[in-house]
Amino acid sequence: MHMKVFGFFICLWLISYNSMATEHGSQFNAADPSYQITFPRDHGAHKNFRIEWWYLTANLKSESLGNLGIQWTLFKSNLKPLSRKKDPEQLTGFWMAHSALTTGTSHYHEERFARENSGQAGVTLDPFKAWIDNWSIKGDNKLRKIQLESSGVDFSYSLNLSTKMSPVLQGERGFSKKSKQRAASHYYSQPFYSVKGWVILDGKRHFVEGVGWLDREWSSNLLNQNQLGWDWFSLHLDNGEKVMLFKVRHNNGDDFLSGSWVNKDGTKKSLSSSDFQLQETAYSIVRGKKVPTKWKISILGSDPLTIKTKAVNVNSWMATSFPYWEGPILFSGDLSGVGYLEMTGY
């Protein structure tokens, strides 16, 4: 299939995501609260889920570039459940990947596609490899040490990530609710990576180091029909703790909030709407969209905290088939550090 036609087809599929979920949802596997996430098995792909992804961000510093960030995501999407995959020549699933590099003054991104079972993209466990074309994550099957390689027309990067920590199961033992009703996913994170490597911009190589965050998520009903999109934060606190927060926006204003506070030893406290608030404090016009690029995070309770975030580059727009805003952030207030913010549905 011609790539432009393929990309257009994928865009149409993404737009019609919710209607397809209604038609075929009962035939795809649903996230199950009794499912026990097991490693290394769940670092690999899962059968008969509508969508899943392998997602990496890194907040980096360079003497020559200052604060910058990278994002790399490999998506696996099924167009039909296993029970309906009868014609081997018909497109029943696909891979999609995004790669981005963001500095204080520039934002670069690329998107790639591959047919399911084409050999152009995939995930293996022993050794671990998630790839599309010449973009890849490679490492041991515990994901303690991995190497990320990606390149585009205007940028490239090669990063080594390492950790001694175990992954963090988000939600309730890895079952992450996205609404008060049915929407949910299986979700875990590895937020404790140390990162070293290099990026190339304008033909110049820059040494970088910093911190990284891996997310793994798979679902067949990620959003309900009355949900517009989400705002998701990953925060690396300067004291070594990690925070994940998200808000799923509803068209009636009854937004769903969830998150976790991860201590330096890897233990986690789940957070709900009674534990924190997310408030937009400043907006930017990006590609004709009004997008919140400064936020106030309020941690509630007996020892309240306030965190104020701002984008490293407000123009971190991913003009991909399914467009969204994603970029590195800095934050200050009662706690300081770096992180990433993803916003969809604007």
Protein backbone atom coordinates (compact mmCIF):
# COMPACT_ATOMS: atom_id res chain seq x y z
CA MET A 1 0.00 0.00 0.00
CA HIS A 2 1.35 3.47 -0.87
CA MET A 3 2.54 5.16 2.33
CA LYS A 4 0.40 8.30 1.85
CA VAL A 5 -2.71 6.17 1.30
CA PHE A 6 -1.75 3.96 4.24
CA GLY A 7 -1.26 7.00 6.47
CA PHE A 8 -4.61 8.45 5.40
CA PHE A 9 -6.30 5.13 6.11
CA ILE A 10 -4.76 4.98 9.57
CA CYS A 11 -5.90 8.53 10.27
CA LEU A 12 -9.47 7.62 9.36
CA TRP A 13 -9.24 4.55 11.58
CA LEU A 14 -8.06 6.62 14.53
CA ILE A 15 -10.89 9.11 14.03
CA SER A 16 -13.43 6.29 14.04
CA TYR A 17 -11.86 4.56 17.05
CA ASN A 18 -14.83 4.91 19.40
CA SER A 19 -17.44 3.70 16.91
CA MET A 20 -15.33 0.64 16.13
CA ALA A 21 -14.97 -0.04 19.85
CA THR A 22 -18.76 -0.22 20.09
CA GLU A 23 -19.03 -2.57 17.10
CA HIS A 24 -16.23 -5.02 17.94
CA GLY A 25 -15.41 -4.28 21.57
CA SER A 26 -16.87 -7.49 22.98
CA GLN A 27 -14.66 -9.57 20.64
CA PHE A 28 -11.39 -7.96 21.67
CA ASN A 29 -9.86 -8.86 25.01
CA ALA A 30 -10.68 -6.36 27.74
CA ALA A 31 -8.37 -5.25 30.53
CA ASP A 32 -9.03 -7.60 33.45
CA PRO A 33 -8.55 -6.49 37.08
CA SER A 34 -7.66 -10.09 38.05
CA TYR A 35 -4.84 -10.32 35.48
CA GLN A 36 -1.40 -10.71 37.07
CA ILE A 37 1.31 -8.82 35.20
CA THR A 38 4.39 -11.04 34.92
CA PHE A 39 7.89 -10.25 33.70
CA PRO A 40 9.49 -10.71 31.27
CA ARG A 41 6.30 -11.98 29.52
CA ASP A 42 4.48 -8.66 29.63
CA HIS A 43 7.38 -6.70 28.15
CA GLY A 44 6.29 -8.41 24.91
CA ALA A 45 3.24 -8.06 22.68
CA HIS A 46 -0.26 -9.23 23.66
CA LYS A 47 -2.81 -10.94 21.45
CA ASN A 48 -6.26 -9.62 20.62
CA PHE A 49 -6.07 -6.22 22.28
CA ARG A 50 -7.09 -3.21 20.23
CA ILE A 51 -3.95 -1.19 20.95
CA GLU A 52 -0.74 -1.27 22.96
CA TRP A 53 2.49 0.70 23.08
CA TRP A 54 6.11 0.81 24.18
CA TYR A 55 6.81 4.41 25.15
CA LEU A 56 10.05 6.09 26.22
CA THR A 57 10.77 9.66 27.23
CA ALA A 58 14.03 11.15 28.48
CA ASN A 59 14.70 14.52 30.07
CA LEU A 60 18.26 15.39 29.09
CA LYS A 61 20.86 18.11 29.50
CA SER A 62 23.66 19.14 27.21
CA GLU A 63 26.33 21.82 27.67
CA SER A 64 25.67 22.98 24.12
CA LEU A 65 21.86 22.60 23.95
CA GLY A 66 20.68 23.11 27.53
CA ASN A 67 17.49 21.30 28.54
CA LEU A 68 16.03 18.98 25.93
CA GLY A 69 13.92 15.86 25.67
CA ILE A 70 13.25 12.88 23.45
CA GLN A 71 10.12 10.81 22.93
CA TRP A 72 9.97 7.41 21.19
CA THR A 73 6.81 5.33 20.93
CA LEU A 74 5.99 2.09 19.12
CA PHE A 75 2.27 1.36 18.77
CA LYS A 76 0.68 -1.97 17.83
CA SER A 77 -2.93 -1.70 16.68
CA ASN A 78 -5.43 -4.35 15.63
CA LEU A 79 -8.20 -3.39 13.20
CA LYS A 80 -10.17 -6.59 13.73
CA PRO A 81 -10.37 -9.10 16.57
CA LEU A 82 -8.84 -12.55 16.06
CA SER A 83 -12.26 -14.07 15.37
CA ARG A 84 -12.63 -11.90 12.25
CA LYS A 85 -9.15 -12.32 10.76
CA LYS A 86 -10.07 -14.60 7.85
CA ASP A 87 -8.38 -13.10 4.80
CA PRO A 88 -4.55 -13.14 5.12
CA GLU A 89 -4.26 -10.50 2.36
CA GLN A 90 -6.50 -8.03 4.16
CA LEU A 91 -4.96 -5.40 6.43
CA THR A 92 -5.98 -6.55 9.92
CA GLY A 93 -3.39 -4.73 12.00
CA PHE A 94 -0.49 -2.32 11.79
CA TRP A 95 2.49 -0.83 13.61
CA MET A 96 2.99 2.91 14.03
CA ALA A 97 5.94 4.71 15.61
CA HIS A 98 6.71 8.29 16.63
CA SER A 99 10.12 9.78 17.31
CA ALA A 100 10.71 13.31 18.57
CA LEU A 101 13.49 15.51 19.85
CA THR A 102 12.72 18.82 21.56
CA THR A 103 15.06 21.63 22.60
CA GLY A 104 14.22 25.06 23.97
CA THR A 105 14.04 26.48 20.44
CA SER A 106 13.25 23.54 18.12
CA HIS A 107 10.93 20.54 17.91
CA TYR A 108 11.60 17.68 15.47
CA HIS A 109 9.39 14.65 14.92
CA GLU A 110 8.77 11.81 12.48
CA GLU A 111 6.17 9.06 12.07
CA ARG A 112 6.46 5.61 10.52
CA PHE A 113 4.06 2.79 9.66
CA ALA A 114 4.34 -0.93 8.97
CA ARG A 115 1.84 -3.64 8.17
CA GLU A 116 1.31 -6.39 10.69
CA ASN A 117 3.46 -9.48 9.97
CA SER A 118 5.50 -7.60 7.36
CA GLY A 119 8.82 -8.13 9.14
CA GLN A 120 9.29 -4.37 9.04
CA ALA A 121 8.37 -3.94 12.72
CA GLY A 122 7.87 -6.11 15.77
CA VAL A 123 8.76 -7.03 19.34
CA THR A 124 10.81 -10.00 20.56
CA LEU A 125 11.64 -10.98 24.14
CA ASP A 126 14.89 -12.95 24.21
CA PRO A 127 16.77 -10.73 23.71
CA PHE A 128 14.33 -7.86 23.95
CA LYS A 129 13.88 -5.79 20.81
CA ALA A 130 11.09 -3.42 19.79
CA TRP A 131 11.66 -1.95 16.36
CA ILE A 132 10.34 -0.43 13.18
CA ASP A 133 12.77 -0.05 10.28
CA ASN A 134 16.05 1.20 11.80
CA TRP A 135 14.44 2.60 14.95
CA SER A 136 14.74 0.27 17.94
CA ILE A 137 14.93 -0.42 21.64
CA LYS A 138 17.29 -3.31 22.40
CA GLY A 139 18.32 -4.86 25.69
CA ASP A 140 18.02 -7.68 28.17
CA ASN A 141 14.56 -9.14 28.72
CA LYS A 142 14.34 -7.54 32.18
CA LEU A 143 14.81 -4.11 30.57
CA ARG A 144 17.45 -3.22 33.15
CA LYS A 145 19.80 -2.05 30.40
CA ILE A 146 18.49 -0.93 27.02
CA GLN A 147 19.73 1.05 24.04
CA LEU A 148 17.47 3.38 22.07
CA GLU A 149 18.34 4.26 18.47
CA SER A 150 16.34 6.59 16.26
CA SER A 151 16.99 8.93 13.37
CA GLY A 152 15.11 11.32 11.15
CA VAL A 153 15.72 13.76 8.35
CA ASP A 154 16.86 16.51 10.72
CA PHE A 155 17.81 14.67 13.92
CA SER A 156 19.07 11.44 15.42
CA TYR A 157 19.90 10.06 18.84
CA SER A 158 21.51 7.07 20.49
CA LEU A 159 20.88 6.62 24.21
CA ASN A 160 21.85 4.03 26.82
CA LEU A 161 19.37 3.61 29.67
CA SER A 162 20.03 1.64 32.85
CA THR A 163 18.35 0.93 36.17
CA LYS A 164 18.50 -1.51 39.09
CA MET A 165 14.86 -0.96 40.02
CA SER A 166 11.84 -3.15 39.23
CA PRO A 167 8.94 -1.78 37.15
CA VAL A 168 6.06 -0.03 38.91
CA LEU A 169 2.55 -1.44 38.42
CA GLN A 170 0.18 1.48 37.91
CA GLY A 171 -3.39 1.55 39.18
CA GLU A 172 -4.41 -1.55 41.14
CA ARG A 173 -1.69 -4.16 40.47
CA GLY A 174 -1.38 -2.89 36.90
CA PHE A 175 -5.10 -2.45 36.19
CA SER A 176 -5.50 1.27 35.42
CA LYS A 177 -8.98 2.77 35.27
CA LYS A 178 -9.58 5.61 32.80
CA SER A 179 -13.15 6.36 33.84
CA LYS A 180 -15.72 5.49 36.49
CA GLN A 181 -17.29 3.12 33.96
CA ARG A 182 -15.58 0.53 31.74
CA ALA A 183 -12.54 2.27 30.21
CA ALA A 184 -9.32 0.72 31.55
CA SER A 185 -5.92 -0.62 30.56
CA HIS A 186 -3.08 -2.77 31.82
CA TYR A 187 -0.31 -0.33 32.66
CA TYR A 188 3.15 -0.39 34.18
CA SER A 189 6.11 2.00 34.20
CA GLN A 190 9.87 1.99 34.61
CA PRO A 191 10.54 5.55 35.79
CA PHE A 192 14.03 5.01 37.23
CA TYR A 193 16.30 5.05 34.19
CA SER A 194 19.59 6.91 34.14
CA VAL A 195 20.43 8.01 30.60
CA LYS A 196 23.64 8.80 28.73
CA GLY A 197 24.28 9.14 25.03
CA TRP A 198 24.28 11.62 22.19
CA VAL A 199 21.99 13.50 19.84
CA ILE A 200 22.83 14.89 16.42
CA LEU A 201 21.31 18.16 15.22
CA ASP A 202 22.43 20.08 12.14
CA GLY A 203 25.25 17.60 11.69
CA LYS A 204 26.69 18.28 15.15
CA ARG A 205 26.97 15.61 17.85
CA HIS A 206 26.03 16.64 21.41
CA PHE A 207 26.68 14.52 24.51
CA VAL A 208 23.60 14.28 26.73
CA GLU A 209 22.68 12.75 30.05
CA GLY A 210 19.63 12.72 32.25
CA VAL A 211 16.71 10.58 33.36
CA GLY A 212 14.29 8.35 31.44
CA TRP A 213 10.80 6.91 31.80
CA LEU A 214 9.33 3.81 30.10
CA ASP A 215 5.57 3.19 29.93
CA ARG A 216 3.86 0.00 28.77
CA GLU A 217 0.14 -0.05 28.24
CA TRP A 218 -2.39 -2.23 26.43
CA SER A 219 -6.16 -1.95 26.16
CA SER A 220 -9.25 -2.49 24.04
CA ASN A 221 -11.36 0.24 25.62
CA LEU A 222 -8.99 3.06 26.49
CA LEU A 223 -11.61 5.83 26.29
CA ASN A 224 -15.38 6.01 26.48
CA GLN A 225 -17.38 7.82 23.81
CA ASN A 226 -17.95 10.89 26.00
CA GLN A 227 -14.24 11.33 26.75
CA LEU A 228 -12.34 13.92 24.71
CA GLY A 229 -8.69 13.15 25.45
CA TRP A 230 -6.16 13.22 28.26
CA ASP A 231 -3.44 15.26 29.95
CA TRP A 232 -0.63 13.02 31.28
CA PHE A 233 2.37 13.98 33.41
CA SER A 234 5.52 12.05 34.30
CA LEU A 235 7.61 13.87 36.91
CA HIS A 236 11.19 13.19 38.02
CA LEU A 237 11.55 14.97 41.37
CA ASP A 238 14.98 16.31 42.28
CA ASN A 239 14.78 14.25 45.49
CA GLY A 240 14.67 11.00 43.45
CA GLU A 241 10.95 10.31 43.78
CA LYS A 242 8.66 9.91 40.76
CA VAL A 243 5.08 11.04 40.12
CA MET A 244 2.63 10.02 37.39
CA LEU A 245 -0.65 11.93 37.02
CA PHE A 246 -3.34 12.05 34.36
CA LYS A 247 -6.68 13.64 33.70
CA VAL A 248 -9.12 12.19 31.17
CA ARG A 249 -11.35 15.02 29.99
CA HIS A 250 -15.10 14.45 29.57
CA ASN A 251 -17.36 16.50 27.34
CA ASN A 252 -19.64 17.15 30.35
CA GLY A 253 -16.76 18.44 32.47
CA ASP A 254 -16.76 15.46 34.87
CA ASP A 255 -13.07 14.69 34.36
CA PHE A 256 -11.41 11.51 35.66
CA LEU A 257 -8.14 11.85 37.59
CA SER A 258 -5.68 9.18 38.62
CA GLY A 259 -1.99 8.84 39.38
CA SER A 260 0.75 7.49 41.61
CA TRP A 261 3.52 8.69 43.88
CA VAL A 262 6.60 6.46 43.70
CA ASN A 263 9.17 6.59 46.49
CA LYS A 264 12.91 6.24 45.90
CA ASP A 265 12.74 2.56 46.92
CA GLY A 266 10.09 1.84 44.27
CA THR A 267 7.10 1.58 46.62
CA LYS A 268 3.99 3.31 45.32
CA LYS A 269 0.98 5.16 46.63
CA SER A 270 -2.01 5.39 44.29
CA LEU A 271 -3.60 8.83 43.87
CA SER A 272 -7.18 9.76 43.00
CA SER A 273 -9.17 12.96 42.52
CA SER A 274 -9.35 13.40 46.30
CA ASP A 275 -5.53 13.47 46.48
CA PHE A 276 -4.60 16.02 43.80
CA GLN A 277 -5.83 18.68 41.38
CA LEU A 278 -4.58 19.72 37.93
CA GLN A 279 -5.19 23.33 36.91
CA GLU A 280 -4.25 25.05 33.65
CA THR A 281 -2.60 28.42 34.37
CA ALA A 282 -1.45 29.60 30.91
CA TYR A 283 -2.24 28.74 27.31
CA SER A 284 -0.33 28.95 24.03
CA ILE A 285 -1.63 28.94 20.45
CA VAL A 286 0.17 26.05 18.77
CA ARG A 287 -0.68 25.18 15.15
CA GLY A 288 -3.97 27.02 15.58
CA LYS A 289 -4.85 25.10 18.76
CA LYS A 290 -5.26 26.64 22.21
CA VAL A 291 -3.15 24.37 24.40
CA PRO A 292 -2.39 24.67 28.15
CA THR A 293 1.40 24.88 28.47
CA LYS A 294 1.64 25.92 32.13
CA TRP A 295 -0.02 23.94 34.91
CA LYS A 296 -0.46 24.05 38.66
CA ILE A 297 -0.43 20.66 40.38
CA SER A 298 -1.87 20.68 43.89
CA ILE A 299 -1.19 17.69 46.13
CA LEU A 300 -3.95 17.68 48.76
CA GLY A 301 -4.09 16.32 52.30
CA SER A 302 -2.55 17.08 55.67
CA ASP A 303 0.76 18.11 54.07
CA PRO A 304 -0.28 19.95 50.86
CA LEU A 305 2.20 20.69 48.09
CA THR A 306 2.15 22.90 45.01
CA ILE A 307 4.07 22.20 41.80
CA LYS A 308 4.15 24.69 38.92
CA THR A 309 5.10 23.30 35.51
CA LYS A 310 6.10 25.01 32.28
CA ALA A 311 6.98 23.68 28.84
CA VAL A 312 10.61 23.69 27.72
CA ASN A 313 9.22 24.54 24.27
CA VAL A 314 5.54 25.48 23.87
CA ASN A 315 5.68 24.49 20.19
CA SER A 316 6.02 20.76 20.92
CA TRP A 317 3.20 19.80 18.56
CA MET A 318 3.24 16.30 17.06
CA ALA A 319 1.73 16.87 13.61
CA THR A 320 1.20 13.14 13.10
CA SER A 321 -1.80 11.20 11.78
CA PHE A 322 -3.34 11.57 15.22
CA PRO A 323 -2.00 15.02 16.27
CA TYR A 324 -1.20 15.83 19.89
CA TRP A 325 1.11 17.93 22.08
CA GLU A 326 4.04 16.25 23.77
CA GLY A 327 7.21 17.71 25.21
CA PRO A 328 9.58 18.08 28.15
CA ILE A 329 8.61 20.26 31.09
CA LEU A 330 10.34 21.91 34.03
CA PHE A 331 8.68 22.43 37.39
CA SER A 332 9.23 24.37 40.59
CA GLY A 333 7.38 25.34 43.75
CA ASP A 334 7.39 23.13 46.82
CA LEU A 335 9.11 20.49 44.68
CA SER A 336 11.34 20.91 41.65
CA GLY A 337 12.49 18.69 38.80
CA VAL A 338 11.88 17.74 35.19
CA GLY A 339 9.29 15.68 33.38
CA TYR A 340 7.14 15.13 30.34
CA LEU A 341 3.63 16.23 29.43
CA GLU A 342 1.36 14.66 26.81
CA MET A 343 -1.97 16.25 25.84
CA THR A 344 -4.42 14.76 23.36
CA GLY A 345 -7.79 15.80 22.03
CA TYR A 346 -7.08 19.53 21.55
